[in-house]
N, C-alpha and C. Protein backbone atom coordinates (compact mmCIF):
# COMPACT_ATOMS: atom_id res chain seq x y z
N VAL A 1 12.17 24.80 22.47
CA VAL A 1 10.82 24.27 22.31
C VAL A 1 10.80 23.19 21.23
N LEU A 2 11.51 23.44 20.12
CA LEU A 2 11.49 22.49 19.02
C LEU A 2 12.14 21.17 19.40
N GLN A 3 13.29 21.24 20.07
CA GLN A 3 14.03 20.01 20.34
C GLN A 3 13.24 19.03 21.19
N PRO A 4 12.63 19.43 22.33
CA PRO A 4 11.83 18.46 23.09
C PRO A 4 10.66 17.89 22.30
N ALA A 5 10.00 18.74 21.53
CA ALA A 5 8.86 18.26 20.74
C ALA A 5 9.31 17.26 19.68
N TYR A 6 10.41 17.58 19.01
CA TYR A 6 10.92 16.69 17.96
C TYR A 6 11.37 15.36 18.56
N LEU A 7 12.07 15.42 19.69
CA LEU A 7 12.55 14.19 20.33
C LEU A 7 11.39 13.34 20.85
N THR A 8 10.30 13.99 21.26
CA THR A 8 9.12 13.23 21.68
C THR A 8 8.54 12.46 20.51
N LEU A 9 8.43 13.13 19.35
CA LEU A 9 7.96 12.44 18.15
C LEU A 9 8.93 11.34 17.75
N ALA A 10 10.22 11.61 17.85
CA ALA A 10 11.22 10.62 17.47
C ALA A 10 11.13 9.39 18.34
N ALA A 11 10.90 9.59 19.64
CA ALA A 11 10.77 8.44 20.55
C ALA A 11 9.59 7.57 20.16
N ALA A 12 8.49 8.20 19.77
CA ALA A 12 7.31 7.43 19.35
C ALA A 12 7.60 6.69 18.05
N ALA A 13 8.31 7.35 17.14
CA ALA A 13 8.60 6.74 15.85
C ALA A 13 9.56 5.57 15.99
N VAL A 14 10.66 5.78 16.70
CA VAL A 14 11.63 4.70 16.90
C VAL A 14 11.00 3.57 17.69
N GLY A 15 10.04 3.91 18.53
CA GLY A 15 9.35 2.89 19.30
C GLY A 15 8.41 2.03 18.49
N GLY A 16 8.21 2.38 17.22
CA GLY A 16 7.43 1.51 16.35
C GLY A 16 6.20 2.11 15.73
N ASP A 17 5.98 3.41 15.90
CA ASP A 17 4.81 4.04 15.29
C ASP A 17 5.14 4.39 13.84
N PRO A 18 4.62 3.64 12.85
CA PRO A 18 5.02 3.86 11.46
C PRO A 18 4.52 5.18 10.89
N ASP A 19 3.37 5.65 11.35
CA ASP A 19 2.84 6.91 10.84
C ASP A 19 3.71 8.09 11.26
N VAL A 20 4.13 8.10 12.51
CA VAL A 20 5.00 9.17 12.98
C VAL A 20 6.36 9.08 12.29
N ALA A 21 6.85 7.86 12.10
CA ALA A 21 8.13 7.69 11.41
C ALA A 21 8.07 8.25 9.99
N ALA A 22 6.98 7.98 9.29
CA ALA A 22 6.83 8.48 7.93
C ALA A 22 6.75 10.00 7.91
N VAL A 23 6.05 10.59 8.87
CA VAL A 23 5.95 12.05 8.94
C VAL A 23 7.31 12.67 9.20
N LEU A 24 8.09 12.09 10.10
CA LEU A 24 9.42 12.63 10.40
C LEU A 24 10.33 12.55 9.18
N LEU A 25 10.25 11.45 8.44
CA LEU A 25 11.09 11.32 7.25
C LEU A 25 10.62 12.30 6.16
N LEU A 26 9.32 12.43 5.99
CA LEU A 26 8.79 13.38 5.01
C LEU A 26 9.19 14.82 5.32
N SER A 27 9.25 15.15 6.59
CA SER A 27 9.53 16.53 6.99
C SER A 27 11.02 16.83 7.06
N PHE A 28 11.87 15.82 6.96
CA PHE A 28 13.30 16.03 7.15
C PHE A 28 13.90 17.06 6.20
N PRO A 29 13.66 16.99 4.88
CA PRO A 29 14.26 18.00 3.99
C PRO A 29 13.86 19.43 4.32
N ASP A 30 12.59 19.66 4.61
CA ASP A 30 12.13 21.01 4.92
C ASP A 30 12.68 21.50 6.25
N LEU A 31 12.69 20.61 7.24
CA LEU A 31 13.24 21.00 8.54
C LEU A 31 14.73 21.30 8.44
N ALA A 32 15.45 20.48 7.68
CA ALA A 32 16.89 20.71 7.52
C ALA A 32 17.16 22.06 6.87
N ALA A 33 16.36 22.40 5.87
CA ALA A 33 16.54 23.70 5.20
C ALA A 33 16.23 24.86 6.14
N ALA A 34 15.24 24.69 7.01
CA ALA A 34 14.83 25.76 7.90
C ALA A 34 15.77 25.93 9.09
N LEU A 35 16.33 24.81 9.59
CA LEU A 35 17.11 24.86 10.82
C LEU A 35 18.60 25.05 10.59
N GLY A 36 19.08 24.74 9.39
CA GLY A 36 20.49 24.94 9.11
C GLY A 36 21.33 23.71 9.39
N PRO A 37 22.59 23.72 8.95
CA PRO A 37 23.43 22.52 9.00
C PRO A 37 23.78 22.05 10.41
N GLU A 38 23.99 22.96 11.35
CA GLU A 38 24.41 22.53 12.69
C GLU A 38 23.31 21.75 13.40
N VAL A 39 22.09 22.29 13.38
CA VAL A 39 20.98 21.60 14.03
C VAL A 39 20.63 20.32 13.27
N THR A 40 20.73 20.38 11.96
CA THR A 40 20.47 19.17 11.16
C THR A 40 21.41 18.05 11.57
N ARG A 41 22.70 18.35 11.69
CA ARG A 41 23.68 17.32 12.06
C ARG A 41 23.47 16.81 13.49
N SER A 42 23.21 17.72 14.39
CA SER A 42 23.17 17.32 15.80
C SER A 42 21.83 16.73 16.24
N LEU A 43 20.74 17.20 15.62
CA LEU A 43 19.42 16.78 16.07
C LEU A 43 18.69 15.90 15.06
N LEU A 44 18.60 16.34 13.81
CA LEU A 44 17.76 15.65 12.84
C LEU A 44 18.39 14.37 12.30
N VAL A 45 19.67 14.45 11.92
CA VAL A 45 20.30 13.30 11.27
C VAL A 45 20.31 12.05 12.16
N PRO A 46 20.68 12.15 13.44
CA PRO A 46 20.65 10.93 14.27
C PRO A 46 19.27 10.28 14.33
N VAL A 47 18.23 11.11 14.37
CA VAL A 47 16.87 10.57 14.42
C VAL A 47 16.52 9.89 13.10
N VAL A 48 16.81 10.55 11.98
CA VAL A 48 16.48 9.98 10.67
C VAL A 48 17.23 8.68 10.44
N MET A 49 18.52 8.64 10.79
CA MET A 49 19.29 7.42 10.59
C MET A 49 18.78 6.29 11.48
N ALA A 50 18.43 6.61 12.72
CA ALA A 50 17.88 5.58 13.61
C ALA A 50 16.57 5.03 13.07
N LEU A 51 15.73 5.91 12.52
CA LEU A 51 14.46 5.46 11.94
C LEU A 51 14.70 4.55 10.74
N LEU A 52 15.62 4.95 9.86
CA LEU A 52 15.86 4.16 8.65
C LEU A 52 16.43 2.79 9.00
N HIS A 53 17.26 2.73 10.02
CA HIS A 53 17.84 1.44 10.39
C HIS A 53 16.84 0.55 11.12
N SER A 54 15.91 1.15 11.84
CA SER A 54 14.97 0.33 12.61
C SER A 54 13.70 0.00 11.83
N GLN A 55 13.35 0.84 10.82
CA GLN A 55 12.08 0.65 10.11
C GLN A 55 12.25 0.83 8.61
N LEU A 56 13.36 0.36 8.07
CA LEU A 56 13.64 0.61 6.66
C LEU A 56 12.56 0.05 5.75
N GLU A 57 12.11 -1.17 6.04
CA GLU A 57 11.12 -1.78 5.16
C GLU A 57 9.84 -0.96 5.11
N ARG A 58 9.41 -0.46 6.25
CA ARG A 58 8.19 0.36 6.29
C ARG A 58 8.38 1.71 5.61
N LEU A 59 9.59 2.24 5.69
CA LEU A 59 9.85 3.59 5.18
C LEU A 59 10.32 3.61 3.73
N CYS A 60 10.53 2.45 3.15
CA CYS A 60 11.01 2.40 1.76
C CYS A 60 10.13 3.19 0.79
N PRO A 61 8.81 3.13 0.88
CA PRO A 61 7.99 3.92 -0.07
C PRO A 61 8.26 5.42 0.02
N VAL A 62 8.39 5.95 1.24
CA VAL A 62 8.69 7.37 1.39
C VAL A 62 10.09 7.67 0.91
N LEU A 63 11.05 6.84 1.31
CA LEU A 63 12.44 7.07 0.93
C LEU A 63 12.62 7.01 -0.58
N SER A 64 11.93 6.11 -1.24
CA SER A 64 12.05 5.98 -2.69
C SER A 64 11.61 7.25 -3.41
N VAL A 65 10.53 7.86 -2.94
CA VAL A 65 9.99 9.05 -3.60
C VAL A 65 10.83 10.29 -3.29
N LEU A 66 11.34 10.38 -2.06
CA LEU A 66 12.06 11.58 -1.63
C LEU A 66 13.57 11.37 -1.58
N LEU A 67 14.07 10.39 -2.30
CA LEU A 67 15.48 10.02 -2.20
C LEU A 67 16.41 11.21 -2.43
N THR A 68 16.21 11.95 -3.51
CA THR A 68 17.10 13.07 -3.83
C THR A 68 17.01 14.16 -2.77
N ASP A 69 15.80 14.50 -2.34
CA ASP A 69 15.65 15.56 -1.35
C ASP A 69 16.29 15.18 -0.02
N ILE A 70 16.12 13.92 0.39
CA ILE A 70 16.72 13.47 1.64
C ILE A 70 18.23 13.43 1.53
N MET A 71 18.75 12.96 0.40
CA MET A 71 20.20 12.93 0.20
C MET A 71 20.76 14.35 0.24
N ALA A 72 20.11 15.28 -0.41
CA ALA A 72 20.60 16.67 -0.44
C ALA A 72 20.56 17.31 0.93
N ALA A 73 19.61 16.92 1.77
CA ALA A 73 19.49 17.52 3.10
C ALA A 73 20.54 17.00 4.07
N LEU A 74 21.13 15.84 3.78
CA LEU A 74 22.17 15.29 4.65
C LEU A 74 23.47 16.07 4.47
N PRO A 75 24.25 16.24 5.54
CA PRO A 75 25.60 16.78 5.36
C PRO A 75 26.39 15.92 4.38
N ALA A 76 27.25 16.55 3.59
CA ALA A 76 27.94 15.83 2.52
C ALA A 76 28.72 14.62 3.02
N ASP A 77 29.34 14.73 4.20
CA ASP A 77 30.16 13.62 4.70
C ASP A 77 29.32 12.48 5.25
N LEU A 78 28.01 12.70 5.39
CA LEU A 78 27.14 11.64 5.91
C LEU A 78 26.24 11.04 4.84
N ARG A 79 26.39 11.48 3.60
CA ARG A 79 25.53 10.94 2.55
C ARG A 79 25.81 9.47 2.27
N ILE A 80 27.02 9.03 2.58
CA ILE A 80 27.33 7.62 2.41
C ILE A 80 26.43 6.75 3.30
N CYS A 81 25.95 7.31 4.40
CA CYS A 81 25.05 6.56 5.27
C CYS A 81 23.77 6.16 4.54
N LEU A 82 23.26 7.08 3.73
CA LEU A 82 22.06 6.76 2.94
C LEU A 82 22.42 5.85 1.77
N LEU A 83 23.58 6.05 1.17
CA LEU A 83 24.01 5.16 0.09
C LEU A 83 24.07 3.71 0.55
N GLN A 84 24.47 3.50 1.79
CA GLN A 84 24.56 2.15 2.32
C GLN A 84 23.21 1.46 2.41
N LEU A 85 22.15 2.24 2.47
CA LEU A 85 20.81 1.67 2.58
C LEU A 85 20.12 1.49 1.23
N MET A 86 20.65 2.08 0.19
CA MET A 86 19.96 2.09 -1.09
C MET A 86 19.81 0.73 -1.78
N PRO A 87 20.69 -0.27 -1.52
CA PRO A 87 20.43 -1.58 -2.15
C PRO A 87 19.03 -2.13 -1.88
N SER A 88 18.49 -1.85 -0.70
CA SER A 88 17.15 -2.34 -0.39
C SER A 88 16.08 -1.69 -1.26
N LEU A 89 16.38 -0.52 -1.82
CA LEU A 89 15.42 0.16 -2.68
C LEU A 89 15.49 -0.32 -4.13
N ALA A 90 16.58 -0.99 -4.48
CA ALA A 90 16.82 -1.31 -5.89
C ALA A 90 16.57 -2.77 -6.25
N LEU A 91 16.56 -3.65 -5.28
CA LEU A 91 16.52 -5.08 -5.59
C LEU A 91 15.12 -5.65 -5.37
N GLN A 92 14.64 -6.40 -6.34
CA GLN A 92 13.42 -7.18 -6.20
C GLN A 92 13.84 -8.65 -6.14
N PRO A 93 13.90 -9.25 -4.93
CA PRO A 93 14.46 -10.59 -4.79
C PRO A 93 13.73 -11.66 -5.60
N ASP A 94 12.41 -11.59 -5.63
CA ASP A 94 11.62 -12.59 -6.36
C ASP A 94 11.28 -12.03 -7.74
N ARG A 95 11.96 -12.51 -8.75
CA ARG A 95 11.76 -11.99 -10.09
C ARG A 95 10.46 -12.47 -10.74
N GLU A 96 9.73 -13.33 -10.05
CA GLU A 96 8.45 -13.79 -10.56
C GLU A 96 7.31 -12.84 -10.22
N VAL A 97 7.56 -11.88 -9.34
CA VAL A 97 6.53 -10.92 -8.97
C VAL A 97 7.08 -9.50 -9.13
N ALA A 98 6.19 -8.56 -9.37
CA ALA A 98 6.63 -7.18 -9.62
C ALA A 98 7.06 -6.47 -8.35
N GLY A 99 6.45 -6.81 -7.22
CA GLY A 99 6.77 -6.11 -5.99
C GLY A 99 6.42 -4.63 -6.08
N ASP A 100 7.12 -3.81 -5.31
CA ASP A 100 6.87 -2.36 -5.33
C ASP A 100 7.65 -1.75 -6.49
N TRP A 101 7.21 -2.04 -7.71
CA TRP A 101 7.96 -1.59 -8.88
C TRP A 101 7.92 -0.08 -9.05
N ARG A 102 6.85 0.55 -8.56
CA ARG A 102 6.78 2.01 -8.67
C ARG A 102 7.85 2.68 -7.80
N GLY A 103 8.14 2.08 -6.66
CA GLY A 103 9.22 2.60 -5.82
C GLY A 103 10.56 2.47 -6.51
N ARG A 104 10.81 1.32 -7.15
CA ARG A 104 12.08 1.12 -7.85
C ARG A 104 12.16 2.04 -9.07
N LEU A 105 11.03 2.29 -9.72
CA LEU A 105 11.00 3.23 -10.84
C LEU A 105 11.37 4.63 -10.36
N ALA A 106 10.83 5.05 -9.23
CA ALA A 106 11.14 6.37 -8.68
C ALA A 106 12.63 6.48 -8.36
N VAL A 107 13.21 5.41 -7.82
CA VAL A 107 14.64 5.41 -7.51
C VAL A 107 15.46 5.54 -8.79
N ALA A 108 15.12 4.75 -9.81
CA ALA A 108 15.86 4.79 -11.07
C ALA A 108 15.85 6.19 -11.67
N LEU A 109 14.72 6.85 -11.63
CA LEU A 109 14.61 8.19 -12.23
C LEU A 109 15.43 9.24 -11.49
N GLN A 110 15.71 8.98 -10.21
CA GLN A 110 16.44 9.96 -9.40
C GLN A 110 17.94 9.73 -9.34
N LEU A 111 18.43 8.63 -9.88
CA LEU A 111 19.85 8.31 -9.70
C LEU A 111 20.79 9.37 -10.27
N PRO A 112 20.53 9.99 -11.43
CA PRO A 112 21.45 11.04 -11.87
C PRO A 112 21.52 12.22 -10.89
N ALA A 113 20.38 12.61 -10.33
CA ALA A 113 20.38 13.70 -9.36
C ALA A 113 21.11 13.31 -8.09
N VAL A 114 20.94 12.06 -7.66
CA VAL A 114 21.68 11.57 -6.48
C VAL A 114 23.17 11.53 -6.78
N ALA A 115 23.53 11.07 -7.98
CA ALA A 115 24.95 10.98 -8.36
C ALA A 115 25.62 12.34 -8.31
N ALA A 116 24.89 13.39 -8.63
CA ALA A 116 25.45 14.74 -8.62
C ALA A 116 25.75 15.23 -7.20
N LEU A 117 25.20 14.55 -6.20
CA LEU A 117 25.37 14.97 -4.81
C LEU A 117 26.49 14.24 -4.09
N ILE A 118 27.09 13.24 -4.72
CA ILE A 118 28.09 12.41 -4.06
C ILE A 118 29.40 12.47 -4.84
N THR A 119 30.42 11.79 -4.34
CA THR A 119 31.73 11.85 -4.98
C THR A 119 31.80 10.87 -6.15
N PRO A 120 32.70 11.10 -7.11
CA PRO A 120 32.85 10.14 -8.21
C PRO A 120 33.13 8.72 -7.75
N ALA A 121 33.94 8.56 -6.71
CA ALA A 121 34.20 7.21 -6.20
C ALA A 121 32.93 6.56 -5.68
N GLN A 122 32.10 7.33 -5.01
CA GLN A 122 30.83 6.79 -4.51
C GLN A 122 29.88 6.47 -5.64
N VAL A 123 29.91 7.28 -6.70
CA VAL A 123 29.11 6.95 -7.88
C VAL A 123 29.54 5.60 -8.43
N ALA A 124 30.86 5.39 -8.53
CA ALA A 124 31.38 4.16 -9.13
C ALA A 124 31.10 2.93 -8.28
N TYR A 125 31.33 3.03 -6.98
CA TYR A 125 31.26 1.86 -6.12
C TYR A 125 29.92 1.67 -5.43
N CYS A 126 29.13 2.71 -5.30
CA CYS A 126 27.87 2.60 -4.57
C CYS A 126 26.65 2.71 -5.49
N LEU A 127 26.69 3.67 -6.40
CA LEU A 127 25.48 3.96 -7.19
C LEU A 127 25.44 3.23 -8.51
N TRP A 128 26.56 3.12 -9.21
CA TRP A 128 26.55 2.45 -10.52
C TRP A 128 26.06 1.00 -10.43
N PRO A 129 26.50 0.21 -9.43
CA PRO A 129 25.95 -1.15 -9.32
C PRO A 129 24.45 -1.18 -9.13
N LEU A 130 23.89 -0.18 -8.43
CA LEU A 130 22.43 -0.13 -8.26
C LEU A 130 21.74 0.13 -9.60
N LEU A 131 22.34 1.00 -10.40
CA LEU A 131 21.76 1.29 -11.71
C LEU A 131 21.78 0.05 -12.59
N LEU A 132 22.88 -0.70 -12.55
CA LEU A 132 22.95 -1.95 -13.32
C LEU A 132 21.91 -2.95 -12.84
N THR A 133 21.68 -3.01 -11.54
CA THR A 133 20.66 -3.91 -11.00
C THR A 133 19.27 -3.51 -11.48
N LEU A 134 18.97 -2.22 -11.45
CA LEU A 134 17.66 -1.75 -11.91
C LEU A 134 17.48 -1.97 -13.41
N ALA A 135 18.58 -1.95 -14.15
CA ALA A 135 18.50 -2.21 -15.60
C ALA A 135 18.14 -3.66 -15.90
N LYS A 136 18.22 -4.54 -14.89
CA LYS A 136 17.84 -5.95 -15.05
C LYS A 136 16.56 -6.27 -14.29
N ASP A 137 15.82 -5.25 -13.91
CA ASP A 137 14.60 -5.43 -13.11
C ASP A 137 13.58 -6.27 -13.86
N PRO A 138 12.76 -7.05 -13.16
CA PRO A 138 11.74 -7.84 -13.85
C PRO A 138 10.64 -7.02 -14.51
N VAL A 139 10.51 -5.74 -14.16
CA VAL A 139 9.45 -4.90 -14.72
C VAL A 139 10.05 -4.02 -15.83
N HIS A 140 9.42 -4.04 -17.00
CA HIS A 140 9.96 -3.32 -18.14
C HIS A 140 10.10 -1.83 -17.88
N ALA A 141 9.13 -1.22 -17.22
CA ALA A 141 9.18 0.23 -16.99
C ALA A 141 10.40 0.61 -16.17
N VAL A 142 10.76 -0.23 -15.21
CA VAL A 142 11.94 0.05 -14.38
C VAL A 142 13.21 -0.11 -15.21
N ARG A 143 13.27 -1.19 -16.01
CA ARG A 143 14.44 -1.40 -16.86
C ARG A 143 14.63 -0.24 -17.83
N ALA A 144 13.55 0.21 -18.43
CA ALA A 144 13.63 1.31 -19.40
C ALA A 144 14.08 2.60 -18.72
N ALA A 145 13.56 2.87 -17.54
CA ALA A 145 13.94 4.08 -16.82
C ALA A 145 15.42 4.03 -16.44
N ALA A 146 15.89 2.87 -15.98
CA ALA A 146 17.30 2.74 -15.61
C ALA A 146 18.20 2.94 -16.82
N ALA A 147 17.83 2.34 -17.93
CA ALA A 147 18.64 2.48 -19.14
C ALA A 147 18.71 3.94 -19.59
N ALA A 148 17.62 4.67 -19.41
CA ALA A 148 17.59 6.07 -19.84
C ALA A 148 18.48 6.96 -18.99
N GLN A 149 18.82 6.51 -17.77
CA GLN A 149 19.66 7.33 -16.89
C GLN A 149 21.15 7.06 -17.06
N MET A 150 21.52 6.01 -17.80
CA MET A 150 22.91 5.58 -17.81
C MET A 150 23.86 6.63 -18.37
N GLY A 151 23.46 7.32 -19.43
CA GLY A 151 24.34 8.32 -20.01
C GLY A 151 24.66 9.43 -19.03
N ARG A 152 23.65 9.90 -18.30
CA ARG A 152 23.86 10.99 -17.34
C ARG A 152 24.73 10.55 -16.17
N VAL A 153 24.56 9.30 -15.73
CA VAL A 153 25.39 8.81 -14.62
C VAL A 153 26.82 8.55 -15.08
N LEU A 154 26.98 8.06 -16.31
CA LEU A 154 28.32 7.83 -16.85
C LEU A 154 29.16 9.10 -16.80
N LEU A 155 28.55 10.24 -17.06
CA LEU A 155 29.28 11.50 -17.07
C LEU A 155 29.81 11.87 -15.68
N LEU A 156 29.27 11.28 -14.64
CA LEU A 156 29.67 11.59 -13.28
C LEU A 156 30.61 10.55 -12.67
N LEU A 157 30.96 9.52 -13.46
CA LEU A 157 31.93 8.53 -13.00
C LEU A 157 33.33 9.12 -13.06
N PRO A 158 34.26 8.59 -12.26
CA PRO A 158 35.65 9.05 -12.36
C PRO A 158 36.22 8.71 -13.72
N ASP A 159 37.15 9.56 -14.19
CA ASP A 159 37.72 9.33 -15.51
C ASP A 159 38.85 8.31 -15.50
N ARG A 160 39.11 7.73 -14.33
CA ARG A 160 40.08 6.65 -14.23
C ARG A 160 39.64 5.74 -13.09
N GLU A 161 40.19 4.55 -13.03
CA GLU A 161 39.80 3.61 -11.98
C GLU A 161 40.29 4.12 -10.63
N VAL A 162 39.43 4.05 -9.65
CA VAL A 162 39.78 4.51 -8.31
C VAL A 162 39.55 3.39 -7.31
N PRO A 163 40.35 3.33 -6.24
CA PRO A 163 40.15 2.28 -5.24
C PRO A 163 38.90 2.55 -4.42
N SER A 164 38.28 1.50 -3.96
CA SER A 164 37.04 1.65 -3.19
C SER A 164 37.27 2.41 -1.90
N GLN A 165 38.50 2.41 -1.38
CA GLN A 165 38.78 3.11 -0.14
C GLN A 165 38.58 4.62 -0.26
N GLN A 166 38.47 5.12 -1.49
CA GLN A 166 38.26 6.55 -1.65
C GLN A 166 36.83 6.97 -1.35
N CYS A 167 35.95 6.02 -1.12
CA CYS A 167 34.61 6.38 -0.65
C CYS A 167 34.75 6.91 0.78
N GLU A 168 34.33 8.15 0.99
CA GLU A 168 34.49 8.75 2.31
C GLU A 168 33.65 8.01 3.35
N VAL A 169 34.20 7.94 4.55
CA VAL A 169 33.51 7.30 5.65
C VAL A 169 33.26 8.33 6.73
N PRO A 170 32.03 8.46 7.23
CA PRO A 170 31.77 9.42 8.29
C PRO A 170 32.39 8.98 9.60
N ALA A 171 32.70 9.95 10.46
CA ALA A 171 33.25 9.62 11.77
C ALA A 171 32.21 8.90 12.62
N GLN A 172 30.95 9.29 12.49
CA GLN A 172 29.89 8.65 13.26
C GLN A 172 29.41 7.39 12.55
N GLN A 173 28.99 6.44 13.34
CA GLN A 173 28.37 5.25 12.75
C GLN A 173 27.02 5.66 12.17
N CYS A 174 26.66 5.07 11.05
CA CYS A 174 25.48 5.53 10.32
C CYS A 174 24.16 5.11 10.93
N ASP A 175 24.19 4.37 12.01
CA ASP A 175 22.92 4.00 12.63
C ASP A 175 22.45 5.02 13.65
N GLY A 176 23.20 6.15 13.75
CA GLY A 176 22.79 7.21 14.67
C GLY A 176 23.30 7.04 16.07
N SER A 177 24.13 6.01 16.32
CA SER A 177 24.61 5.79 17.68
C SER A 177 25.78 6.68 18.04
N GLY A 178 26.47 7.22 17.00
CA GLY A 178 27.58 8.10 17.27
C GLY A 178 28.89 7.40 17.48
N SER A 179 28.93 6.06 17.40
CA SER A 179 30.18 5.34 17.60
C SER A 179 30.94 5.24 16.30
N GLN A 180 32.16 4.77 16.37
CA GLN A 180 33.02 4.72 15.21
C GLN A 180 32.58 3.63 14.24
N SER A 181 32.78 3.87 12.96
CA SER A 181 32.51 2.87 11.93
C SER A 181 33.81 2.50 11.26
N ASP A 182 34.02 1.20 11.02
CA ASP A 182 35.27 0.77 10.39
C ASP A 182 35.06 0.38 8.94
N GLN A 183 33.91 0.74 8.35
CA GLN A 183 33.65 0.39 6.96
C GLN A 183 34.35 1.36 6.04
N SER A 184 34.89 0.87 4.92
CA SER A 184 35.69 1.74 4.06
C SER A 184 35.15 1.87 2.64
N ASP A 185 34.16 1.05 2.27
CA ASP A 185 33.66 1.22 0.91
C ASP A 185 32.16 1.50 0.93
N CYS A 186 31.34 0.58 0.43
CA CYS A 186 29.91 0.87 0.42
C CYS A 186 29.13 -0.38 0.79
N PRO A 187 29.30 -0.91 1.98
CA PRO A 187 28.59 -2.12 2.38
C PRO A 187 27.19 -1.79 2.83
N ALA A 188 26.44 -2.84 3.14
CA ALA A 188 25.11 -2.62 3.69
C ALA A 188 25.23 -2.10 5.10
N ALA A 189 24.26 -1.31 5.52
CA ALA A 189 24.24 -0.82 6.88
C ALA A 189 22.88 -1.16 7.46
N GLY A 190 22.83 -2.12 8.37
CA GLY A 190 21.57 -2.52 8.96
C GLY A 190 21.06 -3.82 8.38
N THR A 191 20.27 -4.52 9.18
CA THR A 191 19.80 -5.84 8.79
C THR A 191 18.97 -5.81 7.53
N ALA A 192 18.11 -4.83 7.37
CA ALA A 192 17.19 -4.81 6.24
C ALA A 192 17.91 -4.70 4.90
N ALA A 193 19.10 -4.12 4.90
CA ALA A 193 19.81 -3.93 3.64
C ALA A 193 20.80 -5.04 3.33
N THR A 194 21.06 -5.93 4.27
CA THR A 194 22.17 -6.87 4.12
C THR A 194 21.99 -7.80 2.93
N ALA A 195 20.83 -8.42 2.82
CA ALA A 195 20.62 -9.39 1.74
C ALA A 195 20.67 -8.72 0.37
N ALA A 196 20.04 -7.56 0.26
CA ALA A 196 20.05 -6.86 -1.02
C ALA A 196 21.47 -6.45 -1.41
N ALA A 197 22.21 -5.93 -0.46
CA ALA A 197 23.56 -5.48 -0.78
C ALA A 197 24.47 -6.65 -1.12
N ALA A 198 24.25 -7.80 -0.50
CA ALA A 198 25.09 -8.95 -0.80
C ALA A 198 24.97 -9.34 -2.27
N VAL A 199 23.77 -9.20 -2.82
CA VAL A 199 23.57 -9.51 -4.23
C VAL A 199 24.16 -8.43 -5.13
N ILE A 200 23.84 -7.17 -4.81
CA ILE A 200 24.24 -6.07 -5.68
C ILE A 200 25.74 -5.82 -5.63
N MET A 201 26.33 -5.90 -4.43
CA MET A 201 27.71 -5.49 -4.29
C MET A 201 28.71 -6.60 -4.63
N ALA A 202 28.24 -7.81 -4.89
CA ALA A 202 29.15 -8.86 -5.34
C ALA A 202 29.73 -8.47 -6.69
N GLY A 203 31.03 -8.43 -6.76
CA GLY A 203 31.68 -8.03 -8.00
C GLY A 203 31.66 -6.55 -8.25
N VAL A 204 31.47 -5.74 -7.19
CA VAL A 204 31.37 -4.30 -7.39
C VAL A 204 32.67 -3.71 -7.90
N ASP A 205 33.82 -4.26 -7.48
CA ASP A 205 35.10 -3.71 -7.92
C ASP A 205 35.23 -3.77 -9.44
N SER A 206 34.89 -4.92 -10.02
CA SER A 206 35.01 -5.05 -11.47
C SER A 206 33.97 -4.19 -12.18
N ALA A 207 32.77 -4.09 -11.61
CA ALA A 207 31.74 -3.26 -12.23
C ALA A 207 32.16 -1.81 -12.24
N ALA A 208 32.70 -1.34 -11.11
CA ALA A 208 33.09 0.06 -11.03
C ALA A 208 34.26 0.35 -11.94
N GLY A 209 35.23 -0.57 -11.98
CA GLY A 209 36.37 -0.36 -12.86
C GLY A 209 35.94 -0.33 -14.31
N GLY A 210 35.03 -1.24 -14.67
CA GLY A 210 34.53 -1.25 -16.04
C GLY A 210 33.76 0.00 -16.37
N ALA A 211 32.98 0.48 -15.41
CA ALA A 211 32.23 1.71 -15.63
C ALA A 211 33.16 2.89 -15.84
N ALA A 212 34.22 2.96 -15.04
CA ALA A 212 35.16 4.06 -15.20
C ALA A 212 35.82 4.01 -16.57
N ALA A 213 36.19 2.80 -17.00
CA ALA A 213 36.80 2.67 -18.32
C ALA A 213 35.82 3.07 -19.42
N THR A 214 34.55 2.66 -19.24
CA THR A 214 33.53 3.04 -20.23
C THR A 214 33.36 4.54 -20.29
N ALA A 215 33.35 5.18 -19.12
CA ALA A 215 33.20 6.63 -19.08
C ALA A 215 34.38 7.31 -19.77
N ALA A 216 35.59 6.81 -19.52
CA ALA A 216 36.76 7.41 -20.15
C ALA A 216 36.69 7.26 -21.67
N ALA A 217 36.27 6.07 -22.12
CA ALA A 217 36.15 5.86 -23.56
C ALA A 217 35.09 6.76 -24.17
N ALA A 218 33.98 6.91 -23.47
CA ALA A 218 32.91 7.79 -23.96
C ALA A 218 33.39 9.23 -24.05
N ALA A 219 34.14 9.67 -23.03
CA ALA A 219 34.65 11.03 -23.06
C ALA A 219 35.62 11.25 -24.21
N THR A 220 36.47 10.24 -24.48
CA THR A 220 37.40 10.34 -25.59
C THR A 220 36.67 10.42 -26.92
N ALA A 221 35.64 9.58 -27.06
CA ALA A 221 34.87 9.58 -28.31
C ALA A 221 34.15 10.92 -28.50
N ALA A 222 33.63 11.44 -27.42
CA ALA A 222 32.93 12.73 -27.52
C ALA A 222 33.90 13.85 -27.91
N ALA A 223 35.10 13.81 -27.33
CA ALA A 223 36.09 14.82 -27.68
C ALA A 223 36.50 14.73 -29.14
N ALA A 224 36.65 13.48 -29.62
CA ALA A 224 37.01 13.28 -31.02
C ALA A 224 35.92 13.79 -31.95
N ALA A 225 34.67 13.52 -31.56
CA ALA A 225 33.55 13.97 -32.40
C ALA A 225 33.49 15.49 -32.44
N THR A 226 33.76 16.12 -31.28
CA THR A 226 33.75 17.58 -31.23
C THR A 226 34.85 18.16 -32.12
N ALA A 227 36.05 17.55 -32.04
CA ALA A 227 37.16 18.02 -32.85
C ALA A 227 36.87 17.87 -34.34
N ALA A 228 36.24 16.75 -34.70
CA ALA A 228 35.92 16.52 -36.11
C ALA A 228 34.91 17.53 -36.63
N ALA A 229 33.97 17.89 -35.73
CA ALA A 229 32.96 18.87 -36.13
C ALA A 229 33.59 20.25 -36.31
């Protein structure tokens, strides 16, 4: 009974109904918890990914607020699919206007919780560049929130430099089509994220390597301080 009803709603949402799309995205964490991992992977995830790829701009406000819950509800090997879309949530292209700064503020505040759900390599190559971008946001509240999260995210970076290829890639393509994906790091997935990711991910290798070195230095300093105490 659930599957036909859910697929009927999904067809309306993918067909362009923004209200139904928002309801499906809002309900995803609760449905995933109620239905379990198998049904989530086979039924819910393809619908959610198709919605995000087809209506990302419309769904950004919902995704920004529920980012951690949605990330946690995804199977661990498919969380990179959501990471690929996150540049669109972090970048304000026109620095002369504030844009949806409350959405970017919500994203900045959730980054440590999101970082705890992914691998250290994904933190370094996918999430850390987003945090650096938010720390340069045109709105002071967003910059301050991003800066306040840096210490917690640093603790989740790898303690040594890692190659970008260590970011896990799901067997399914992240647009919900089920076909193979040949991406190996953290590129944009879908048209809506391409421009944002091109800005954020330029120089990501050096940013991630520098972040890893910073984390290692911080850990060494903390250990020295503990020993001295």
